[in-house]
Amino acid sequence: MLEIRTINKEDVGRVSNFISRININEESHIGYCGTDKDEIANSMINDISDVKYFDSFVAAYEDNNLVGVLGFDAELEDSSAEIWGPFIVPNKWDIVFDMWKKMTELLPDEINSMEMFPNGKNIRVCELAKKLSFKKYSEETILIFQRNNCPELESVSIDELTPEYCLDMQQLHDEAFPDTYYSAQQITKRLDENKKVFIITKEGIFCGYIYVEAEPEFREGNIEFFAVEKSERGNGIGGQLLTGALKWLITIKDIESIRLCVNSSNGSAVNLYKKVGFQHLHDLSVFTKNLRK
């Protein structure tokens, strides 16, 4: 007998282990979460905060066997939700619409848009997005930098963001990434020993920034955003920012790999990343749906 219900604290370990096993295969991979069960559990408990996981995730059980998980990460500030899943065992895919109905009943009234981020090889979820009237927004490439398989990084000079350049950084970020998941103000509020913004200046003139996050407990780091002022593009600033950020990340001994996401059509950026040692990992698609009537 099939039962679809919200999850609770006692379910987190089982659910995160289930997601990690499903997400390791490109044919069922979703880009919002990784494959480490502890990292997934930590994200569910600590990062999914505007609507807690016990009010935003549903699980499907058949004879007490977990066969599906589906949830969302709400951002009430911008009235959006990122869809985690569906993660369903292959021979139970026919439950997907029942799970979708149960999950969407949990969406707050404030949510005006949803986003899905499946691997390009995850045909079932890509087709589901289309059936649910999502529109493809973009195609993205995930690249990875392995500590043990990287070239020797050049020595470059970059600085941590200081208050005098905060406004410059915020203006450039909001211009380069107007509809992204972190505004410039959100980034500056997140900064701590493992989350850094680095900048390059020339004679006191702001040239560009890069925002990175280290997660030593999960042995990885992420290049989240970086941008260069239009007047400085083509002058090697991007390569210096990227190299400097990588050098900082690999000073943290537990970090084994660093990931980033870039629009697949941005060939110059992809080439820059590969030049400093990044390798191709995944191709994913962004699907969006506007819920406003």
C-alpha atoms as a PDB file:
ATOM      1  CA  MET A   1       0.000   0.000   0.000  1.00  0.00           C
ATOM      2  CA  LEU A   2       1.349   3.424  -0.981  1.00  0.00           C
ATOM      3  CA  GLU A   3       1.603   6.175   1.638  1.00  0.00           C
ATOM      4  CA  ILE A   4       2.789   9.715   0.804  1.00  0.00           C
ATOM      5  CA  ARG A   5       3.425  11.949   3.811  1.00  0.00           C
ATOM      6  CA  THR A   6       5.580  14.805   5.042  1.00  0.00           C
ATOM      7  CA  ILE A   7       8.854  13.846   6.652  1.00  0.00           C
ATOM      8  CA  ASN A   8       9.973  14.440  10.223  1.00  0.00           C
ATOM      9  CA  LYS A   9      13.237  14.649  12.155  1.00  0.00           C
ATOM     10  CA  GLU A  10      13.466  10.870  12.472  1.00  0.00           C
ATOM     11  CA  ASP A  11      13.214  10.508   8.671  1.00  0.00           C
ATOM     12  CA  VAL A  12      16.141  12.792   7.759  1.00  0.00           C
ATOM     13  CA  GLY A  13      18.859  10.153   7.879  1.00  0.00           C
ATOM     14  CA  ARG A  14      16.887   7.675   5.798  1.00  0.00           C
ATOM     15  CA  VAL A  15      15.738  10.338   3.337  1.00  0.00           C
ATOM     16  CA  SER A  16      19.221  11.841   2.848  1.00  0.00           C
ATOM     17  CA  ASN A  17      20.701   8.382   2.292  1.00  0.00           C
ATOM     18  CA  PHE A  18      17.966   7.651  -0.276  1.00  0.00           C
ATOM     19  CA  ILE A  19      18.609  10.937  -2.131  1.00  0.00           C
ATOM     20  CA  SER A  20      22.371  10.310  -2.177  1.00  0.00           C
ATOM     21  CA  ARG A  21      21.897   6.884  -3.782  1.00  0.00           C
ATOM     22  CA  ILE A  22      19.494   8.208  -6.423  1.00  0.00           C
ATOM     23  CA  ASN A  23      21.474  11.376  -7.140  1.00  0.00           C
ATOM     24  CA  ILE A  24      24.753   9.608  -7.873  1.00  0.00           C
ATOM     25  CA  ASN A  25      23.429   8.498 -11.285  1.00  0.00           C
ATOM     26  CA  GLU A  26      23.228  11.108 -14.053  1.00  0.00           C
ATOM     27  CA  GLU A  27      19.959   9.542 -15.274  1.00  0.00           C
ATOM     28  CA  SER A  28      18.307  10.557 -11.967  1.00  0.00           C
ATOM     29  CA  HIS A  29      20.561  13.456 -10.913  1.00  0.00           C
ATOM     30  CA  ILE A  30      19.237  16.815  -9.652  1.00  0.00           C
ATOM     31  CA  GLY A  31      21.651  19.722  -9.445  1.00  0.00           C
ATOM     32  CA  TYR A  32      20.544  21.309  -6.171  1.00  0.00           C
ATOM     33  CA  CYS A  33      22.021  18.631  -3.929  1.00  0.00           C
ATOM     34  CA  GLY A  34      25.078  16.440  -3.996  1.00  0.00           C
ATOM     35  CA  THR A  35      25.729  12.776  -3.342  1.00  0.00           C
ATOM     36  CA  ASP A  36      27.114  12.881   0.199  1.00  0.00           C
ATOM     37  CA  LYS A  37      24.323  11.789   2.568  1.00  0.00           C
ATOM     38  CA  ASP A  38      25.705  13.842   5.470  1.00  0.00           C
ATOM     39  CA  GLU A  39      25.926  16.969   3.322  1.00  0.00           C
ATOM     40  CA  ILE A  40      22.370  16.436   2.086  1.00  0.00           C
ATOM     41  CA  ALA A  41      21.105  16.011   5.645  1.00  0.00           C
ATOM     42  CA  ASN A  42      22.966  19.137   6.749  1.00  0.00           C
ATOM     43  CA  SER A  43      21.463  21.136   3.863  1.00  0.00           C
ATOM     44  CA  MET A  44      17.963  19.930   4.688  1.00  0.00           C
ATOM     45  CA  ILE A  45      18.289  20.850   8.351  1.00  0.00           C
ATOM     46  CA  ASN A  46      20.295  24.082   8.118  1.00  0.00           C
ATOM     47  CA  ASP A  47      19.978  25.539   4.609  1.00  0.00           C
ATOM     48  CA  ILE A  48      16.287  24.937   3.913  1.00  0.00           C
ATOM     49  CA  SER A  49      15.186  27.610   6.327  1.00  0.00           C
ATOM     50  CA  ASP A  50      12.340  29.815   5.059  1.00  0.00           C
ATOM     51  CA  VAL A  51      10.030  26.788   5.091  1.00  0.00           C
ATOM     52  CA  LYS A  52      11.533  23.960   7.133  1.00  0.00           C
ATOM     53  CA  TYR A  53      12.038  20.518   5.601  1.00  0.00           C
ATOM     54  CA  PHE A  54       9.233  18.986   7.683  1.00  0.00           C
ATOM     55  CA  ASP A  55       6.822  21.392   5.975  1.00  0.00           C
ATOM     56  CA  SER A  56       8.335  21.212   2.485  1.00  0.00           C
ATOM     57  CA  PHE A  57       9.309  17.570   1.795  1.00  0.00           C
ATOM     58  CA  VAL A  58       7.161  14.516   1.187  1.00  0.00           C
ATOM     59  CA  ALA A  59       8.218  10.882   1.066  1.00  0.00           C
ATOM     60  CA  ALA A  60       6.488   7.905  -0.523  1.00  0.00           C
ATOM     61  CA  TYR A  61       6.474   4.565   1.275  1.00  0.00           C
ATOM     62  CA  GLU A  62       5.295   1.210  -0.027  1.00  0.00           C
ATOM     63  CA  ASP A  63       5.061  -1.478   2.622  1.00  0.00           C
ATOM     64  CA  ASN A  64       7.366   0.665   4.764  1.00  0.00           C
ATOM     65  CA  ASN A  65       9.969   0.816   1.982  1.00  0.00           C
ATOM     66  CA  LEU A  66      11.029   4.330   0.945  1.00  0.00           C
ATOM     67  CA  VAL A  67      10.437   4.629  -2.809  1.00  0.00           C
ATOM     68  CA  GLY A  68      10.305   8.392  -3.438  1.00  0.00           C
ATOM     69  CA  VAL A  69      11.254  11.829  -2.077  1.00  0.00           C
ATOM     70  CA  LEU A  70      10.210  15.250  -3.339  1.00  0.00           C
ATOM     71  CA  GLY A  71      10.513  18.683  -1.755  1.00  0.00           C
ATOM     72  CA  PHE A  72      11.241  22.352  -2.222  1.00  0.00           C
ATOM     73  CA  ASP A  73      13.560  25.013  -0.874  1.00  0.00           C
ATOM     74  CA  ALA A  74      11.562  28.226  -0.582  1.00  0.00           C
ATOM     75  CA  GLU A  75      13.038  31.715  -0.865  1.00  0.00           C
ATOM     76  CA  LEU A  76      10.257  33.900   0.497  1.00  0.00           C
ATOM     77  CA  GLU A  77      12.232  37.094  -0.100  1.00  0.00           C
ATOM     78  CA  ASP A  78      11.961  36.628  -3.858  1.00  0.00           C
ATOM     79  CA  SER A  79       8.789  34.453  -3.769  1.00  0.00           C
ATOM     80  CA  SER A  80      10.469  31.441  -5.419  1.00  0.00           C
ATOM     81  CA  ALA A  81      11.033  27.758  -4.710  1.00  0.00           C
ATOM     82  CA  GLU A  82      13.713  25.350  -5.930  1.00  0.00           C
ATOM     83  CA  ILE A  83      12.409  21.814  -6.434  1.00  0.00           C
ATOM     84  CA  TRP A  84      14.458  18.969  -4.947  1.00  0.00           C
ATOM     85  CA  GLY A  85      13.623  15.928  -7.020  1.00  0.00           C
ATOM     86  CA  PRO A  86      11.614  14.000  -7.786  1.00  0.00           C
ATOM     87  CA  PHE A  87      13.837  11.210  -6.474  1.00  0.00           C
ATOM     88  CA  ILE A  88      11.986   7.978  -7.212  1.00  0.00           C
ATOM     89  CA  VAL A  89      13.119   4.395  -7.672  1.00  0.00           C
ATOM     90  CA  PRO A  90      12.861   3.654 -11.415  1.00  0.00           C
ATOM     91  CA  ASN A  91      10.110   1.034 -11.285  1.00  0.00           C
ATOM     92  CA  LYS A  92       7.833   3.284  -9.191  1.00  0.00           C
ATOM     93  CA  TRP A  93       7.862   6.352 -11.437  1.00  0.00           C
ATOM     94  CA  ASP A  94       4.076   6.172 -11.858  1.00  0.00           C
ATOM     95  CA  ILE A  95       3.682   7.722  -8.385  1.00  0.00           C
ATOM     96  CA  VAL A  96       5.290  10.990  -9.491  1.00  0.00           C
ATOM     97  CA  PHE A  97       2.081  12.962 -10.071  1.00  0.00           C
ATOM     98  CA  ASP A  98       0.612  11.898  -6.718  1.00  0.00           C
ATOM     99  CA  MET A  99       3.827  13.052  -5.050  1.00  0.00           C
ATOM    100  CA  TRP A 100       3.812  16.313  -6.996  1.00  0.00           C
ATOM    101  CA  LYS A 101       0.228  17.048  -5.919  1.00  0.00           C
ATOM    102  CA  LYS A 102       1.058  16.334  -2.279  1.00  0.00           C
ATOM    103  CA  MET A 103       4.160  18.551  -2.373  1.00  0.00           C
ATOM    104  CA  THR A 104       2.521  21.509  -4.117  1.00  0.00           C
ATOM    105  CA  GLU A 105      -0.195  21.533  -1.454  1.00  0.00           C
ATOM    106  CA  LEU A 106       2.596  22.576   0.939  1.00  0.00           C
ATOM    107  CA  LEU A 107       3.716  25.587  -1.126  1.00  0.00           C
ATOM    108  CA  PRO A 108       3.133  28.897   0.692  1.00  0.00           C
ATOM    109  CA  ASP A 109       0.789  31.358  -1.017  1.00  0.00           C
ATOM    110  CA  GLU A 110       3.729  33.778  -1.362  1.00  0.00           C
ATOM    111  CA  ILE A 111       5.501  31.511  -3.860  1.00  0.00           C
ATOM    112  CA  ASN A 112       5.110  32.928  -7.377  1.00  0.00           C
ATOM    113  CA  SER A 113       7.662  30.825  -9.265  1.00  0.00           C
ATOM    114  CA  MET A 114       9.312  27.407  -9.192  1.00  0.00           C
ATOM    115  CA  GLU A 115      12.585  26.185 -10.627  1.00  0.00           C
ATOM    116  CA  MET A 116      13.830  22.684 -11.501  1.00  0.00           C
ATOM    117  CA  PHE A 117      17.479  21.796 -12.151  1.00  0.00           C
ATOM    118  CA  PRO A 118      17.768  18.279 -13.607  1.00  0.00           C
ATOM    119  CA  ASN A 119      20.750  16.717 -15.295  1.00  0.00           C
ATOM    120  CA  GLY A 120      20.395  16.732 -19.075  1.00  0.00           C
ATOM    121  CA  LYS A 121      20.503  12.914 -18.944  1.00  0.00           C
ATOM    122  CA  ASN A 122      17.666  12.820 -16.411  1.00  0.00           C
ATOM    123  CA  ILE A 123      15.093  12.348 -19.157  1.00  0.00           C
ATOM    124  CA  ARG A 124      12.216  11.531 -16.824  1.00  0.00           C
ATOM    125  CA  VAL A 125      12.466  14.778 -14.866  1.00  0.00           C
ATOM    126  CA  CYS A 126      13.120  16.846 -17.999  1.00  0.00           C
ATOM    127  CA  GLU A 127       9.952  15.391 -19.539  1.00  0.00           C
ATOM    128  CA  LEU A 128       8.059  15.888 -16.278  1.00  0.00           C
ATOM    129  CA  ALA A 129       9.020  19.573 -16.262  1.00  0.00           C
ATOM    130  CA  LYS A 130       7.537  20.001 -19.722  1.00  0.00           C
ATOM    131  CA  LYS A 131       4.332  18.124 -18.774  1.00  0.00           C
ATOM    132  CA  LEU A 132       3.961  20.428 -15.772  1.00  0.00           C
ATOM    133  CA  SER A 133       4.274  23.496 -18.064  1.00  0.00           C
ATOM    134  CA  PHE A 134       7.758  24.496 -16.957  1.00  0.00           C
ATOM    135  CA  LYS A 135       9.802  26.359 -19.583  1.00  0.00           C
ATOM    136  CA  LYS A 136      13.494  25.754 -20.203  1.00  0.00           C
ATOM    137  CA  TYR A 137      15.326  28.871 -19.033  1.00  0.00           C
ATOM    138  CA  SER A 138      18.961  27.910 -19.656  1.00  0.00           C
ATOM    139  CA  GLU A 139      21.498  25.132 -19.939  1.00  0.00           C
ATOM    140  CA  GLU A 140      24.303  25.019 -17.395  1.00  0.00           C
ATOM    141  CA  THR A 141      27.635  23.215 -17.170  1.00  0.00           C
ATOM    142  CA  ILE A 142      29.083  21.956 -13.884  1.00  0.00           C
ATOM    143  CA  LEU A 143      32.879  21.909 -13.726  1.00  0.00           C
ATOM    144  CA  ILE A 144      35.123  20.429 -11.042  1.00  0.00           C
ATOM    145  CA  PHE A 145      38.681  21.199  -9.920  1.00  0.00           C
ATOM    146  CA  GLN A 146      40.399  18.256  -8.205  1.00  0.00           C
ATOM    147  CA  ARG A 147      43.182  19.071  -5.762  1.00  0.00           C
ATOM    148  CA  ASN A 148      45.142  15.986  -6.803  1.00  0.00           C
ATOM    149  CA  ASN A 149      44.692  16.454 -10.553  1.00  0.00           C
ATOM    150  CA  CYS A 150      45.352  20.155 -10.966  1.00  0.00           C
ATOM    151  CA  PRO A 151      48.197  22.076 -12.574  1.00  0.00           C
ATOM    152  CA  GLU A 152      50.481  24.242 -10.470  1.00  0.00           C
ATOM    153  CA  LEU A 153      48.626  27.501  -9.862  1.00  0.00           C
ATOM    154  CA  GLU A 154      50.363  30.768 -10.616  1.00  0.00           C
ATOM    155  CA  SER A 155      51.080  33.238  -7.860  1.00  0.00           C
ATOM    156  CA  VAL A 156      48.604  36.128  -7.981  1.00  0.00           C
ATOM    157  CA  SER A 157      47.633  38.980  -5.697  1.00  0.00           C
ATOM    158  CA  ILE A 158      44.016  39.412  -4.635  1.00  0.00           C
ATOM    159  CA  ASP A 159      42.519  40.991  -1.512  1.00  0.00           C
ATOM    160  CA  GLU A 160      39.564  40.267   0.699  1.00  0.00           C
ATOM    161  CA  LEU A 161      36.631  42.627   0.315  1.00  0.00           C
ATOM    162  CA  THR A 162      36.883  45.704   2.525  1.00  0.00           C
ATOM    163  CA  PRO A 163      34.074  48.136   3.450  1.00  0.00           C
ATOM    164  CA  GLU A 164      35.320  50.833   1.071  1.00  0.00           C
ATOM    165  CA  TYR A 165      34.649  48.545  -1.924  1.00  0.00           C
ATOM    166  CA  CYS A 166      31.354  46.993  -0.733  1.00  0.00           C
ATOM    167  CA  LEU A 167      29.200  49.318  -2.829  1.00  0.00           C
ATOM    168  CA  ASP A 168      31.285  48.669  -5.959  1.00  0.00           C
ATOM    169  CA  MET A 169      30.994  44.914  -5.423  1.00  0.00           C
ATOM    170  CA  GLN A 170      27.240  45.113  -4.794  1.00  0.00           C
ATOM    171  CA  GLN A 171      26.604  47.197  -7.893  1.00  0.00           C
ATOM    172  CA  LEU A 172      28.622  44.850 -10.113  1.00  0.00           C
ATOM    173  CA  HIS A 173      27.012  41.718  -8.648  1.00  0.00           C
ATOM    174  CA  ASP A 174      23.455  42.972  -9.029  1.00  0.00           C
ATOM    175  CA  GLU A 175      24.205  44.119 -12.579  1.00  0.00           C
ATOM    176  CA  ALA A 176      25.850  40.816 -13.590  1.00  0.00           C
ATOM    177  CA  PHE A 177      23.397  38.533 -11.734  1.00  0.00           C
ATOM    178  CA  PRO A 178      20.049  40.359 -11.467  1.00  0.00           C
ATOM    179  CA  ASP A 179      17.838  37.322 -10.770  1.00  0.00           C
ATOM    180  CA  THR A 180      20.153  34.938  -8.970  1.00  0.00           C
ATOM    181  CA  TYR A 181      19.810  33.043  -5.699  1.00  0.00           C
ATOM    182  CA  TYR A 182      21.921  35.441  -3.553  1.00  0.00           C
ATOM    183  CA  SER A 183      21.728  39.209  -3.819  1.00  0.00           C
ATOM    184  CA  ALA A 184      24.851  41.201  -3.045  1.00  0.00           C
ATOM    185  CA  GLN A 185      23.457  42.103   0.378  1.00  0.00           C
ATOM    186  CA  GLN A 186      22.802  38.441   1.129  1.00  0.00           C
ATOM    187  CA  ILE A 187      26.375  37.585   0.147  1.00  0.00           C
ATOM    188  CA  THR A 188      27.919  40.198   2.430  1.00  0.00           C
ATOM    189  CA  LYS A 189      25.764  38.962   5.324  1.00  0.00           C
ATOM    190  CA  ARG A 190      27.023  35.400   4.752  1.00  0.00           C
ATOM    191  CA  LEU A 191      30.730  36.219   4.948  1.00  0.00           C
ATOM    192  CA  ASP A 192      32.745  34.359   7.598  1.00  0.00           C
ATOM    193  CA  GLU A 193      35.942  32.309   7.834  1.00  0.00           C
ATOM    194  CA  ASN A 194      34.695  29.855   5.194  1.00  0.00           C
ATOM    195  CA  LYS A 195      32.805  32.266   2.933  1.00  0.00           C
ATOM    196  CA  LYS A 196      34.907  34.958   1.306  1.00  0.00           C
ATOM    197  CA  VAL A 197      34.677  37.699  -1.302  1.00  0.00           C
ATOM    198  CA  PHE A 198      38.012  38.516  -2.937  1.00  0.00           C
ATOM    199  CA  ILE A 199      38.605  41.553  -5.118  1.00  0.00           C
ATOM    200  CA  ILE A 200      41.198  43.082  -7.400  1.00  0.00           C
ATOM    201  CA  THR A 201      41.816  46.818  -7.560  1.00  0.00           C
ATOM    202  CA  LYS A 202      44.185  48.946  -9.626  1.00  0.00           C
ATOM    203  CA  GLU A 203      45.371  52.202  -8.106  1.00  0.00           C
ATOM    204  CA  GLY A 204      42.284  52.277  -5.910  1.00  0.00           C
ATOM    205  CA  ILE A 205      39.862  51.464  -8.741  1.00  0.00           C
ATOM    206  CA  PHE A 206      37.651  48.406  -8.262  1.00  0.00           C
ATOM    207  CA  CYS A 207      38.108  45.859 -11.092  1.00  0.00           C
ATOM    208  CA  GLY A 208      36.182  42.747 -10.100  1.00  0.00           C
ATOM    209  CA  TYR A 209      35.224  40.265  -7.387  1.00  0.00           C
ATOM    210  CA  ILE A 210      34.795  36.555  -6.724  1.00  0.00           C
ATOM    211  CA  TYR A 211      32.648  34.917  -4.020  1.00  0.00           C
ATOM    212  CA  VAL A 212      33.636  31.444  -2.799  1.00  0.00           C
ATOM    213  CA  GLU A 213      32.430  29.058  -0.128  1.00  0.00           C
ATOM    214  CA  ALA A 214      34.541  26.396   1.599  1.00  0.00           C
ATOM    215  CA  GLU A 215      32.891  23.348   3.143  1.00  0.00           C
ATOM    216  CA  PRO A 216      35.788  21.458   4.735  1.00  0.00           C
ATOM    217  CA  GLU A 217      33.436  19.156   6.633  1.00  0.00           C
ATOM    218  CA  PHE A 218      32.289  17.847   3.245  1.00  0.00           C
ATOM    219  CA  ARG A 219      35.724  18.087   1.596  1.00  0.00           C
ATOM    220  CA  GLU A 220      34.682  20.557  -1.078  1.00  0.00           C
ATOM    221  CA  GLY A 221      34.500  24.208  -2.057  1.00  0.00           C
ATOM    222  CA  ASN A 222      32.372  26.177  -4.486  1.00  0.00           C
ATOM    223  CA  ILE A 223      32.983  29.146  -6.755  1.00  0.00           C
ATOM    224  CA  GLU A 224      29.581  30.803  -6.455  1.00  0.00           C
ATOM    225  CA  PHE A 225      29.929  34.105  -8.356  1.00  0.00           C
ATOM    226  CA  PHE A 226      32.506  36.256  -9.983  1.00  0.00           C
ATOM    227  CA  ALA A 227      32.403  39.206 -12.322  1.00  0.00           C
ATOM    228  CA  VAL A 228      34.744  41.789 -13.839  1.00  0.00           C
ATOM    229  CA  GLU A 229      33.976  45.412 -14.618  1.00  0.00           C
ATOM    230  CA  LYS A 230      33.342  45.962 -18.343  1.00  0.00           C
ATOM    231  CA  SER A 231      36.274  48.346 -18.603  1.00  0.00           C
ATOM    232  CA  GLU A 232      38.649  45.657 -17.317  1.00  0.00           C
ATOM    233  CA  ARG A 233      37.478  42.665 -19.316  1.00  0.00           C
ATOM    234  CA  GLY A 234      40.133  41.111 -21.515  1.00  0.00           C
ATOM    235  CA  ASN A 235      42.902  42.237 -19.176  1.00  0.00           C
ATOM    236  CA  GLY A 236      43.318  38.938 -17.303  1.00  0.00           C
ATOM    237  CA  ILE A 237      41.391  40.039 -14.198  1.00  0.00           C
ATOM    238  CA  GLY A 238      39.048  37.043 -14.339  1.00  0.00           C
ATOM    239  CA  GLY A 239      41.925  34.572 -14.453  1.00  0.00           C
ATOM    240  CA  GLN A 240      43.642  36.276 -11.533  1.00  0.00           C
ATOM    241  CA  LEU A 241      40.485  36.243  -9.414  1.00  0.00           C
ATOM    242  CA  LEU A 242      39.828  32.601 -10.197  1.00  0.00           C
ATOM    243  CA  THR A 243      43.403  31.512  -9.549  1.00  0.00           C
ATOM    244  CA  GLY A 244      43.621  33.475  -6.306  1.00  0.00           C
ATOM    245  CA  ALA A 245      40.352  32.019  -5.033  1.00  0.00           C
ATOM    246  CA  LEU A 246      41.475  28.481  -5.881  1.00  0.00           C
ATOM    247  CA  LYS A 247      44.783  29.014  -4.095  1.00  0.00           C
ATOM    248  CA  TRP A 248      42.906  30.133  -0.974  1.00  0.00           C
ATOM    249  CA  LEU A 249      40.497  27.193  -1.107  1.00  0.00           C
ATOM    250  CA  ILE A 250      43.233  24.575  -1.419  1.00  0.00           C
ATOM    251  CA  THR A 251      45.053  26.006   1.603  1.00  0.00           C
ATOM    252  CA  ILE A 252      42.205  24.405   3.557  1.00  0.00           C
ATOM    253  CA  LYS A 253      43.653  20.918   3.927  1.00  0.00           C
ATOM    254  CA  ASP A 254      40.382  18.950   3.982  1.00  0.00           C
ATOM    255  CA  ILE A 255      39.115  20.334   0.668  1.00  0.00           C
ATOM    256  CA  GLU A 256      39.563  17.799  -2.119  1.00  0.00           C
ATOM    257  CA  SER A 257      37.516  19.372  -4.916  1.00  0.00           C
ATOM    258  CA  ILE A 258      35.997  22.689  -5.991  1.00  0.00           C
ATOM    259  CA  ARG A 259      32.911  23.053  -8.166  1.00  0.00           C
ATOM    260  CA  LEU A 260      31.273  25.797 -10.145  1.00  0.00           C
ATOM    261  CA  CYS A 261      28.312  26.267 -12.454  1.00  0.00           C
ATOM    262  CA  VAL A 262      28.468  28.283 -15.682  1.00  0.00           C
ATOM    263  CA  ASN A 263      26.029  28.919 -18.503  1.00  0.00           C
ATOM    264  CA  SER A 264      26.859  26.408 -21.219  1.00  0.00           C
ATOM    265  CA  SER A 265      26.698  29.072 -23.928  1.00  0.00           C
ATOM    266  CA  ASN A 266      29.451  31.125 -22.251  1.00  0.00           C
ATOM    267  CA  GLY A 267      32.315  29.527 -24.160  1.00  0.00           C
ATOM    268  CA  SER A 268      34.929  32.061 -23.069  1.00  0.00           C
ATOM    269  CA  ALA A 269      34.193  31.408 -19.383  1.00  0.00           C
ATOM    270  CA  VAL A 270      34.228  27.628 -19.862  1.00  0.00           C
ATOM    271  CA  ASN A 271      37.606  27.916 -21.604  1.00  0.00           C
ATOM    272  CA  LEU A 272      38.959  30.093 -18.801  1.00  0.00           C
ATOM    273  CA  TYR A 273      37.926  27.552 -16.165  1.00  0.00           C
ATOM    274  CA  LYS A 274      39.417  24.667 -18.097  1.00  0.00           C
ATOM    275  CA  LYS A 275      42.634  26.618 -18.586  1.00  0.00           C
ATOM    276  CA  VAL A 276      43.215  26.796 -14.827  1.00  0.00           C
ATOM    277  CA  GLY A 277      42.434  23.091 -14.327  1.00  0.00           C
ATOM    278  CA  PHE A 278      38.653  22.605 -14.133  1.00  0.00           C
ATOM    279  CA  GLN A 279      37.176  19.545 -15.828  1.00  0.00           C
ATOM    280  CA  HIS A 280      33.673  18.902 -17.157  1.00  0.00           C
ATOM    281  CA  LEU A 281      31.358  17.070 -14.725  1.00  0.00           C
ATOM    282  CA  HIS A 282      27.669  17.535 -15.659  1.00  0.00           C
ATOM    283  CA  ASP A 283      25.346  19.311 -18.071  1.00  0.00           C
ATOM    284  CA  LEU A 284      22.104  20.483 -16.465  1.00  0.00           C
ATOM    285  CA  SER A 285      18.986  22.375 -17.520  1.00  0.00           C
ATOM    286  CA  VAL A 286      17.131  25.098 -15.650  1.00  0.00           C
ATOM    287  CA  PHE A 287      13.342  24.917 -15.962  1.00  0.00           C
ATOM    288  CA  THR A 288      11.107  27.646 -14.557  1.00  0.00           C
ATOM    289  CA  LYS A 289       7.391  28.078 -14.029  1.00  0.00           C
ATOM    290  CA  ASN A 290       5.485  31.229 -13.150  1.00  0.00           C
ATOM    291  CA  LEU A 291       2.597  30.489 -10.779  1.00  0.00           C
ATOM    292  CA  ARG A 292       0.950  33.913 -11.026  1.00  0.00           C
ATOM    293  CA  LYS A 293      -2.506  33.751 -12.531  1.00  0.00           C
END
